[in-house]
Protein backbone atom coordinates (compact mmCIF):
# COMPACT_ATOMS: atom_id res chain seq x y z
CA MET A 1 -28.16 3.71 1.09
CA ARG A 2 -25.55 6.76 2.21
CA SER A 3 -23.29 6.50 4.78
CA SER A 4 -20.08 9.10 5.69
CA ALA A 5 -17.67 9.09 8.81
CA GLU A 6 -16.19 10.85 11.84
CA LYS A 7 -13.29 10.41 13.42
CA SER A 8 -13.89 10.21 17.15
CA GLU A 9 -11.66 9.34 20.33
CA GLY A 10 -8.56 7.71 19.92
CA ASN A 11 -8.61 4.93 16.88
CA GLN A 12 -12.78 5.11 17.22
CA VAL A 13 -14.27 6.26 14.10
CA ASP A 14 -18.13 6.67 13.89
CA LEU A 15 -19.67 5.55 10.79
CA ARG A 16 -23.50 7.05 9.68
CA ILE A 17 -25.34 4.72 7.30
CA GLU A 18 -28.93 6.16 6.82
CA ILE A 19 -31.09 3.64 4.79
CA ASP A 20 -34.31 4.86 2.92
CA GLU A 21 -37.73 3.04 3.53
CA GLU A 22 -37.93 1.92 0.17
CA GLU A 23 -34.26 0.28 0.66
CA LEU A 24 -35.54 -0.98 4.11
CA ALA A 25 -38.95 -2.63 3.22
CA PRO A 26 -37.96 -6.12 1.25
CA PHE A 27 -35.67 -6.51 4.91
CA ILE A 28 -39.19 -6.32 6.52
CA GLU A 29 -40.49 -8.58 4.05
CA SER A 30 -38.20 -11.04 5.00
CA SER A 31 -38.67 -10.43 8.77
CA ILE A 32 -42.62 -11.07 8.67
CA ARG A 33 -41.78 -14.51 7.05
CA LYS A 34 -39.06 -15.75 9.48
CA LEU A 35 -41.04 -14.45 12.30
CA ALA A 36 -44.21 -15.89 11.20
CA LYS A 37 -41.68 -19.39 11.19
CA GLN A 38 -41.55 -18.77 15.09
CA VAL A 39 -44.29 -17.36 16.40
CA ARG A 40 -47.29 -19.52 17.26
CA ILE A 41 -50.85 -17.62 16.51
CA PRO A 42 -53.31 -19.34 17.28
CA GLY A 43 -55.51 -20.75 14.66
CA PHE A 44 -52.41 -20.94 11.84
CA ARG A 45 -50.19 -23.36 11.33
CA PRO A 46 -46.49 -22.02 11.80
CA GLY A 47 -45.98 -19.46 8.76
CA LYS A 48 -48.82 -19.85 7.08
CA ALA A 49 -50.97 -16.98 8.85
CA PRO A 50 -51.54 -13.67 6.89
CA LYS A 51 -49.27 -10.54 7.18
CA LYS A 52 -51.59 -7.91 8.85
CA VAL A 53 -51.72 -10.85 11.41
CA VAL A 54 -48.58 -11.38 12.46
CA GLU A 55 -47.79 -7.56 12.17
CA SER A 56 -50.46 -7.71 14.85
CA ARG A 57 -49.07 -10.19 16.67
CA ILE A 58 -45.10 -9.16 17.05
CA GLY A 59 -45.53 -5.31 16.82
CA LEU A 60 -44.14 -3.65 13.60
CA LYS A 61 -41.34 -1.75 15.56
CA ALA A 62 -40.21 -5.78 16.48
CA ILE A 63 -40.14 -6.74 12.82
CA ARG A 64 -38.55 -3.37 12.12
CA LEU A 65 -35.64 -3.86 14.75
CA GLU A 66 -35.23 -7.25 12.76
CA ALA A 67 -35.65 -6.21 9.28
CA ILE A 68 -32.93 -3.30 10.26
CA GLU A 69 -30.17 -5.94 12.71
CA GLU A 70 -30.49 -8.04 8.92
CA SER A 71 -29.67 -4.87 6.98
CA LEU A 72 -26.83 -4.17 8.46
CA ASP A 73 -24.61 -7.03 7.64
CA SER A 74 -24.75 -5.85 4.08
CA PHE A 75 -25.34 -2.22 4.42
CA TYR A 76 -22.36 -2.13 7.30
CA ARG A 77 -19.95 -4.13 4.99
CA GLN A 78 -21.15 -1.16 1.96
CA ALA A 79 -20.57 1.38 4.52
CA VAL A 80 -16.84 0.74 5.26
CA LEU A 81 -15.78 -0.18 1.77
CA ASP A 82 -16.95 3.49 0.82
CA ASN A 83 -15.62 5.09 3.29
CA ASP A 84 -12.06 3.43 3.17
CA LEU A 85 -11.89 2.55 6.60
CA ASP A 86 -9.30 -0.42 8.26
CA VAL A 87 -12.10 -1.64 10.80
CA ILE A 88 -10.14 -4.40 13.22
CA GLU A 89 -12.38 -5.02 15.36
CA PRO A 90 -16.88 -5.77 15.55
CA PRO A 91 -18.67 -1.99 15.29
CA ARG A 92 -21.05 -1.28 18.60
CA VAL A 93 -24.32 -0.22 16.54
CA THR A 94 -26.57 2.14 18.03
CA ILE A 95 -30.24 3.41 15.98
CA ALA A 96 -30.04 7.05 15.54
CA GLU A 97 -33.80 7.42 13.48
CA GLY A 98 -36.25 5.22 11.62
CA GLU A 99 -36.13 2.44 14.70
CA ASP A 100 -40.15 3.32 14.41
CA SER A 101 -41.14 4.32 11.01
CA GLY A 102 -39.24 6.01 7.85
CA ASN A 103 -35.63 6.84 6.45
CA VAL A 104 -33.13 4.70 8.97
CA ALA A 105 -30.02 5.96 10.34
CA VAL A 106 -27.67 4.20 12.51
CA ILE A 107 -24.40 4.87 13.99
CA ALA A 108 -21.60 2.10 14.06
CA THR A 109 -18.51 3.24 16.43
CA VAL A 110 -15.55 1.60 15.40
CA ALA A 111 -12.36 0.99 15.61
CA VAL A 112 -10.13 0.41 12.89
CA ARG A 113 -6.68 -0.23 12.29
CA PRO A 114 -4.27 3.36 14.30
CA GLN A 115 -1.48 4.82 12.66
CA VAL A 116 1.88 5.55 13.60
CA SER A 117 4.31 8.04 13.35
CA VAL A 118 7.49 7.19 11.91
CA GLN A 119 9.70 10.51 12.29
CA GLY A 120 12.88 10.51 11.84
CA TYR A 121 12.64 7.51 8.70
CA ASP A 122 14.97 9.54 6.46
CA SER A 123 17.74 10.11 8.66
CA LEU A 124 18.07 6.89 10.48
CA VAL A 125 21.37 5.62 11.56
CA VAL A 126 21.75 1.69 12.42
CA ASN A 127 25.31 0.78 13.48
CA LEU A 128 26.31 -2.98 12.29
CA PRO A 129 28.29 -4.79 15.05
CA VAL A 130 30.16 -7.03 12.05
CA HIS A 131 32.95 -6.28 9.42
CA THR A 132 31.95 -7.24 6.21
CA TYR A 133 35.11 -8.00 5.06
CA GLY A 134 38.12 -10.13 7.55
CA THR A 135 39.56 -8.02 9.55
CA GLU A 136 43.70 -8.13 10.55
CA GLU A 137 42.40 -8.85 14.49
CA ASP A 138 40.56 -11.88 13.06
CA ILE A 139 43.38 -13.04 11.19
CA SER A 140 45.98 -12.75 13.92
CA LEU A 141 43.33 -14.38 15.57
CA ALA A 142 43.64 -17.71 13.76
CA ILE A 143 47.12 -17.46 13.14
CA GLU A 144 47.09 -17.48 17.31
CA ARG A 145 45.10 -20.67 17.57
CA MET A 146 47.39 -22.33 15.03
CA ARG A 147 50.27 -21.50 16.86
CA GLU A 148 48.44 -22.10 19.99
CA GLN A 149 47.61 -26.03 18.16
CA GLN A 150 50.94 -26.77 17.67
CA ALA A 151 53.10 -25.81 20.18
CA GLU A 152 55.07 -27.75 22.50
CA THR A 153 55.50 -27.37 26.67
CA ALA A 154 58.68 -28.47 29.17
CA GLU A 155 58.11 -28.73 32.26
CA VAL A 156 59.44 -25.90 34.49
CA THR A 157 61.26 -25.24 38.13
CA ARG A 158 60.35 -21.01 37.58
CA SER A 159 56.87 -19.93 39.53
CA VAL A 160 54.61 -19.37 36.89
CA GLN A 161 53.22 -16.91 34.90
CA THR A 162 51.03 -16.02 32.29
CA GLY A 163 50.28 -18.45 29.25
CA ASP A 164 52.14 -21.30 31.10
CA GLN A 165 50.01 -24.59 31.44
CA VAL A 166 49.95 -26.00 34.90
CA THR A 167 47.93 -28.82 37.18
CA VAL A 168 46.46 -27.26 40.12
CA ASP A 169 43.78 -28.98 43.61
CA ILE A 170 41.43 -27.12 44.13
CA GLU A 171 39.21 -27.49 47.69
CA VAL A 172 36.90 -25.53 48.04
CA SER A 173 34.62 -25.02 51.58
CA GLN A 174 31.98 -23.18 53.27
CA GLN A 175 31.91 -22.53 56.69
CA GLY A 176 33.87 -24.97 57.12
CA GLU A 177 32.49 -27.69 55.07
CA PRO A 178 33.79 -29.16 51.37
CA GLN A 179 32.21 -28.48 48.88
CA ARG A 180 33.05 -31.60 46.92
CA ASP A 181 31.17 -30.63 43.41
CA ASP A 182 32.94 -27.31 43.02
CA SER A 183 36.82 -28.73 44.28
CA ALA A 184 38.61 -30.48 41.86
CA VAL A 185 42.26 -32.71 41.55
CA ASP A 186 44.78 -32.37 38.78
CA LEU A 187 43.10 -29.68 37.36
CA GLY A 188 44.74 -28.48 33.64
CA PHE A 189 44.81 -25.17 32.48
CA ARG A 190 46.46 -22.75 30.94
CA VAL A 191 47.03 -19.37 33.18
CA GLY A 192 45.53 -16.23 31.16
CA LYS A 193 43.37 -17.70 28.67
CA GLY A 194 40.34 -17.70 30.32
CA GLU A 195 39.46 -21.63 30.55
CA VAL A 196 39.20 -20.96 34.62
CA SER A 197 37.59 -18.77 37.13
CA ALA A 198 39.09 -15.25 36.96
CA ASP A 199 39.91 -15.54 41.21
CA VAL A 200 41.76 -18.71 40.37
CA ASP A 201 43.28 -17.90 37.37
CA GLU A 202 44.94 -14.53 39.19
CA ALA A 203 45.81 -16.92 42.52
CA VAL A 204 48.19 -19.48 40.05
CA VAL A 205 50.85 -16.42 39.16
CA GLY A 206 53.65 -16.54 40.99
CA LEU A 207 53.10 -19.88 43.33
CA LEU A 208 55.90 -22.37 42.53
CA VAL A 209 55.58 -26.65 42.14
CA GLY A 210 54.38 -27.20 46.10
CA GLU A 211 52.78 -23.61 47.00
CA SER A 212 49.67 -22.95 47.94
CA LYS A 213 47.39 -19.94 48.17
CA GLU A 214 44.41 -19.15 49.43
CA PHE A 215 41.65 -16.78 48.89
CA GLU A 216 37.66 -16.36 49.63
CA ARG A 217 35.29 -16.01 47.55
CA GLN A 218 31.92 -13.99 48.29
CA PRO A 219 28.69 -15.00 46.09
CA ALA A 220 27.34 -13.70 43.19
CA GLU A 221 25.24 -11.23 43.22
CA GLY A 222 22.22 -11.45 44.06
CA ASP A 223 22.72 -14.66 45.84
CA SER A 224 22.02 -14.26 50.06
CA GLY A 225 24.65 -17.42 50.79
CA PRO A 226 27.69 -16.97 52.56
CA ALA A 227 31.49 -16.79 51.36
CA THR A 228 33.81 -19.79 50.20
CA GLN A 229 36.93 -20.63 51.11
CA VAL A 230 39.33 -21.55 48.32
CA LYS A 231 42.78 -23.00 48.42
CA VAL A 232 45.00 -23.31 45.43
CA THR A 233 47.65 -26.06 45.29
CA LEU A 234 49.97 -25.94 42.38
CA LYS A 235 51.28 -29.73 41.55
CA ALA A 236 52.46 -28.94 37.95
CA VAL A 237 53.89 -26.05 35.89
CA ARG A 238 55.03 -26.79 32.01
CA GLU A 239 56.07 -23.43 29.66
CA VAL A 240 54.31 -23.61 26.72
CA LYS A 241 56.14 -22.93 23.50
CA LEU A 242 54.88 -21.31 20.21
CA PRO A 243 56.28 -22.14 17.61
CA ASP A 244 57.76 -19.06 15.22
CA LEU A 245 55.79 -17.58 12.51
CA ASN A 246 57.14 -17.94 9.83
CA ASP A 247 56.98 -19.84 6.39
CA GLU A 248 57.93 -23.07 7.75
CA PHE A 249 54.81 -22.61 10.38
CA ALA A 250 52.72 -22.16 7.11
CA ALA A 251 53.98 -25.23 5.60
CA ASP A 252 53.15 -27.70 8.71
CA VAL A 253 49.71 -26.39 9.47
CA SER A 254 48.53 -25.98 5.45
CA GLU A 255 48.54 -26.84 2.29
CA PHE A 256 51.20 -22.90 1.83
CA THR A 257 54.71 -23.18 1.21
CA THR A 258 54.60 -19.57 2.58
CA LEU A 259 52.75 -17.25 5.45
CA GLY A 260 51.43 -14.21 3.58
CA GLU A 261 49.69 -17.43 1.08
CA LEU A 262 47.73 -18.97 4.35
CA LYS A 263 47.23 -14.79 5.59
CA ASP A 264 45.77 -14.58 1.72
CA ASP A 265 43.65 -17.98 2.13
CA LEU A 266 42.50 -16.52 5.87
CA LYS A 267 41.59 -13.72 4.67
CA LYS A 268 38.97 -14.93 2.42
CA SER A 269 37.17 -17.42 4.01
CA PHE A 270 36.63 -14.55 7.23
CA ASP A 271 35.98 -12.18 4.17
CA ASN A 272 33.36 -14.80 3.05
CA MET A 273 32.29 -15.84 6.87
CA ARG A 274 31.50 -11.46 7.65
CA ARG A 275 30.07 -10.32 4.56
CA ALA A 276 27.38 -13.85 4.96
CA GLN A 277 26.70 -12.49 9.21
CA ALA A 278 26.14 -9.16 8.07
CA ARG A 279 23.86 -9.46 5.58
CA GLN A 280 21.83 -11.73 7.82
CA LEU A 281 21.75 -9.38 11.10
CA TYR A 282 21.81 -5.94 8.49
CA PRO A 283 18.04 -6.45 8.11
CA ASP A 284 16.87 -7.35 11.44
CA HIS A 285 19.40 -4.52 13.06
CA VAL A 286 18.05 -1.50 10.35
CA ILE A 287 14.11 -2.88 11.35
CA SER A 288 15.46 -3.34 15.02
CA ALA A 289 16.27 0.67 14.75
CA PHE A 290 13.39 2.00 12.92
CA LEU A 291 10.54 0.43 15.40
CA ASN A 292 12.41 2.84 17.71
CA ILE A 293 11.22 5.71 16.43
CA VAL A 294 8.38 4.46 15.75
CA GLU A 295 5.32 6.58 18.02
CA PRO A 296 3.14 5.46 20.43
CA LYS A 297 4.09 1.73 20.82
CA THR A 298 1.15 0.82 22.06
CA ILE A 299 -1.20 -1.62 20.13
CA PRO A 300 -4.38 -2.35 20.41
CA ASP A 301 -5.31 -5.45 22.42
CA SER A 302 -7.78 -7.01 19.25
CA LEU A 303 -4.16 -6.49 16.81
CA ILE A 304 -2.47 -8.92 19.52
CA LYS A 305 -4.81 -11.26 19.42
CA GLU A 306 -5.29 -11.45 15.64
CA GLU A 307 -1.26 -11.74 15.56
CA VAL A 308 -1.32 -14.70 17.94
CA ASN A 309 -3.71 -16.96 16.34
CA SER A 310 -2.51 -15.88 12.66
CA GLN A 311 0.96 -17.51 14.20
CA ILE A 312 -0.71 -20.72 15.73
CA HIS A 313 -3.01 -21.50 12.94
CA THR A 314 0.32 -21.24 10.83
CA PHE A 315 2.93 -23.51 13.62
CA GLY A 316 0.13 -25.57 14.17
CA HIS A 317 0.27 -26.41 9.88
CA ARG A 318 3.94 -26.45 9.91
CA LEU A 319 4.02 -29.17 13.30
CA ASP A 320 1.15 -31.28 10.91
CA GLN A 321 3.17 -30.96 7.95
CA GLN A 322 6.37 -32.46 10.15
CA GLY A 323 3.76 -35.13 11.70
CA MET A 324 3.67 -34.19 15.09
CA SER A 325 0.83 -32.61 17.09
CA LEU A 326 1.03 -29.50 19.40
CA GLY A 327 1.19 -32.18 22.15
CA GLN A 328 4.04 -34.36 21.05
CA TYR A 329 6.03 -30.35 20.28
CA LEU A 330 5.65 -29.52 24.30
CA ASP A 331 6.40 -32.79 25.77
CA MET A 332 9.75 -32.60 23.23
CA THR A 333 10.57 -29.27 24.01
CA GLY A 334 9.36 -29.53 27.69
CA MET A 335 6.85 -26.21 27.08
CA SER A 336 4.36 -25.64 28.92
CA GLN A 337 0.95 -24.42 26.71
CA THR A 338 1.05 -20.93 28.60
CA ASP A 339 5.11 -20.45 28.03
CA LEU A 340 4.24 -21.26 24.28
CA LEU A 341 0.98 -19.18 24.29
CA MET A 342 3.60 -16.21 26.14
CA GLN A 343 6.22 -16.59 23.31
CA PHE A 344 3.55 -16.10 20.87
CA GLN A 345 2.28 -13.12 22.12
CA GLN A 346 5.92 -11.48 22.51
CA GLY A 347 6.17 -11.63 18.82
CA ALA A 348 3.08 -11.19 17.96
CA ALA A 349 3.47 -7.44 19.43
CA GLN A 350 6.72 -6.73 17.28
CA SER A 351 5.20 -8.41 13.76
CA VAL A 352 2.34 -5.89 14.64
CA LEU A 353 4.32 -2.97 15.30
CA LEU A 354 6.21 -2.88 12.38
CA ASP A 355 3.45 -3.82 9.96
CA LEU A 356 1.70 -0.11 11.50
CA ALA A 357 4.93 1.52 11.03
CA LEU A 358 5.79 -0.34 7.70
CA ARG A 359 1.83 0.90 6.60
CA SER A 360 2.53 4.76 8.16
CA LEU A 361 6.08 5.02 5.67
CA ALA A 362 4.14 3.52 3.00
CA ASP A 363 2.34 7.07 2.99
CA ALA A 364 5.15 8.51 3.47
CA LEU A 365 6.65 7.64 0.57
CA SER A 366 3.46 7.99 -1.05
CA ILE A 367 3.96 4.57 -2.27
CA GLU A 368 1.31 3.37 -4.92
CA ILE A 369 1.57 0.14 -6.54
CA SER A 370 0.99 -0.33 -10.34
CA MET A 371 -0.40 -3.35 -12.34
CA SER A 372 2.72 -4.17 -13.18
CA ASP A 373 3.55 -4.65 -9.28
CA GLN A 374 0.51 -6.57 -8.57
CA ASP A 375 1.27 -9.05 -12.20
CA GLU A 376 4.95 -9.40 -11.01
CA GLU A 377 3.62 -10.33 -7.78
CA LEU A 378 1.00 -11.93 -8.51
CA VAL A 379 3.12 -14.12 -11.04
CA ARG A 380 5.48 -14.98 -7.41
CA ILE A 381 2.82 -16.32 -5.55
CA SER A 382 1.81 -18.58 -8.56
CA GLU A 383 4.90 -19.62 -9.35
CA ALA A 384 5.87 -20.24 -5.27
CA LEU A 385 2.80 -22.14 -5.00
CA ASN A 386 2.67 -24.21 -8.32
CA GLU A 387 -0.49 -23.07 -9.30
CA GLU A 388 -1.77 -21.73 -12.91
CA ILE A 389 -2.15 -18.13 -12.86
CA THR A 390 -5.68 -18.20 -13.19
CA GLU A 391 -6.25 -19.41 -10.10
CA THR A 392 -3.18 -16.81 -8.31
CA ARG A 393 -5.80 -14.13 -9.72
CA GLN A 394 -9.16 -15.38 -8.41
CA ARG A 395 -7.93 -15.62 -5.21
CA TYR A 396 -7.44 -12.54 -5.40
CA SER A 397 -10.20 -10.69 -7.18
CA THR A 398 -12.56 -9.35 -4.59
CA ILE A 399 -12.46 -5.95 -3.13
CA GLU A 400 -11.35 -7.55 0.24
CA ALA A 401 -8.19 -9.30 -1.22
CA GLU A 402 -7.35 -6.84 -3.80
CA LYS A 403 -6.75 -4.39 -0.77
CA SER A 404 -5.10 -6.27 1.27
CA PHE A 405 -2.72 -8.07 -1.65
CA LYS A 406 -2.51 -3.86 -2.36
CA VAL A 407 -1.44 -3.74 1.60
CA GLU A 408 1.07 -6.22 1.36
CA LEU A 409 2.72 -4.64 -1.73
CA ARG A 410 3.41 -1.13 0.01
CA LYS A 411 4.90 -2.58 2.72
CA SER A 412 7.12 -4.69 0.71
CA LYS A 413 8.18 -1.85 -1.38
CA ALA A 414 8.26 0.61 2.23
CA ALA A 415 10.80 -1.95 3.61
CA ASP A 416 13.24 -2.21 0.04
CA TRP A 417 13.49 1.20 0.26
CA LEU A 418 14.30 1.87 4.31
CA MET A 419 17.05 -1.49 3.80
CA GLU A 420 18.50 0.63 0.81
CA ASN A 421 18.56 4.18 2.60
CA ALA A 422 19.26 3.97 5.89
CA VAL A 423 22.79 4.90 7.12
CA VAL A 424 24.39 1.57 8.68
CA LEU A 425 27.35 1.36 9.71
CA ASP A 426 30.43 -0.95 10.80
CA PRO A 427 32.31 -1.31 14.26
CA ASP A 428 34.69 1.03 12.45
CA GLY A 429 31.75 4.06 11.84
CA MET A 430 32.18 2.87 7.96
CA PRO A 431 29.30 2.77 5.93
CA VAL A 432 27.67 -0.37 4.57
CA SER A 433 26.02 -0.52 1.16
CA PHE A 434 22.87 -3.36 1.59
CA ALA A 435 22.66 -3.32 -2.68
CA GLU A 436 26.16 -4.17 -2.65
CA LEU A 437 25.78 -6.53 0.33
CA LYS A 438 23.46 -8.43 -1.48
CA GLU A 439 25.61 -9.10 -4.52
CA ALA A 440 27.67 -12.67 -4.46
CA THR A 441 30.99 -12.24 -4.97
CA ALA A 442 32.77 -15.24 -7.15
CA GLU A 443 32.68 -17.55 -4.54
CA GLU A 444 29.89 -17.47 -3.51
CA SER A 445 28.45 -17.78 -6.88
CA LEU A 446 30.49 -21.19 -7.28
CA SER A 447 28.87 -22.38 -3.41
CA THR A 448 25.44 -21.99 -4.60
CA ALA A 449 25.26 -22.96 -7.85
CA GLY A 450 24.13 -26.39 -7.53
CA GLY A 451 21.70 -24.69 -5.15
CA ASP A 452 20.45 -21.87 -2.82
CA ALA A 453 22.71 -21.88 0.59
CA GLU A 454 21.44 -20.90 3.46
CA LEU A 455 23.32 -18.29 5.70
CA PRO A 456 24.84 -19.28 9.37
CA ASP A 457 23.89 -18.15 11.98
CA GLU A 458 26.32 -14.81 13.96
CA THR A 459 28.05 -17.28 16.03
CA ALA A 460 28.00 -20.28 13.70
CA LEU A 461 31.34 -20.07 12.63
CA ASP A 462 34.51 -18.89 14.42
CA VAL A 463 38.31 -18.41 14.40
CA GLU A 464 38.12 -22.00 15.36
CA SER A 465 36.02 -22.87 12.48
CA ILE A 466 37.77 -20.83 9.49
CA THR A 467 41.62 -22.39 11.47
CA GLU A 468 40.34 -25.87 11.37
CA ASN A 469 39.85 -25.35 7.86
CA SER A 470 42.44 -23.10 6.10
CA GLY A 471 43.94 -24.49 3.10
CA ALA A 472 40.72 -24.92 1.79
CA ASN A 473 39.57 -22.18 0.77
CA LEU A 474 35.88 -22.92 2.42
CA ASP A 475 33.20 -19.67 2.26
CA SER A 476 31.23 -19.50 4.82
CA ASP A 477 28.03 -20.39 3.16
CA GLN A 478 29.52 -24.08 3.12
CA GLN A 479 30.66 -24.36 6.27
CA ALA A 480 26.85 -23.09 7.11
């Protein structure tokens, strides 16, 4: 058997497979035996008619076509391997020569995995939305919140100022009809703190107790309903007095005796929190920036379908492990099967694009996989699966499995290169090193000494959580 591949249009390849007549002969014999059992020939029991009679009854051409189809299963797979094709869809096969006699040539038109361009990968600039350390603003906000928690109020007779604590009645009507759900009685809030709508916040400034202010509220953008009329009546105003920012304040709100010690402790907590946030967000933002330079972004439907099926299979397996059926999950989440499928499809498109991009990056970097690389990964897999290394090696012993194994290793190395070589900048435009970010601080090492701690979500920690734990020097991983 001989084969050759010629690129066609798009990601199509014409694979020519030539089969000598001698190579086809065993398949012809097999086809004759197979067809003899299927065709009834008068005077003979099924499968007992002589070869010549079967050939005469069925026709040599039909027998050859059956033989060619049967032989292609093995010849096609070998031709794909010989020409190093990454086929993603079943082939369309046409017989070019030998349909009636002699040597056979077939053309298998196949769709192969497309290649994408990653031009600009070596000058990738990524903007990280968080600092890798606690900023002065972080500490100031935390201190201010602690002062707010210790604040005292005193009733005053003057007009309302920003920062005051007020009590109001709010009457809302629309075309003369009261809107009770939007109205309120004895509503208390701090002016200028964003605790109520901006128009109400603005309306109370300058009012004296007993005074009212009316205004018209326009419908939200995209809402075609009529405007509403709002009346705000001031019932009470109290001035908020914050404690002085000094050592006495620090002693009152924490275990520390000086304001400097309190700020140092907050700085440590924020350092750990921001570092954990940055470490978590770093890969996602690098990958996102990387995918932005990939062209083209169109993906064959067959690859998306394959990825969706893979994700659904994995998802179903996880549900099984949790003792939950798909129906139970849908009932619990209120989703329909269509909603879930669309969710998988959206994620699948990004996953496939990243797969293609990392393959292209590995080619651009000329990444090679050594035997040492393979051995290390096989050991890691065997340990993760808690199985003997011989079992793991056996799993990757076929040509197809070994090829796929090497592809995944190349992609992993390409991703590592990307993380280490992308220019990542914090909000101040200062470079962030992923290698340094991954190194655990002394506090983090202590917090994870008893086991691996999961990183928090970006919004899992904020000023409130830091101030509530002030004085405990609680690092971000522990708070998560």
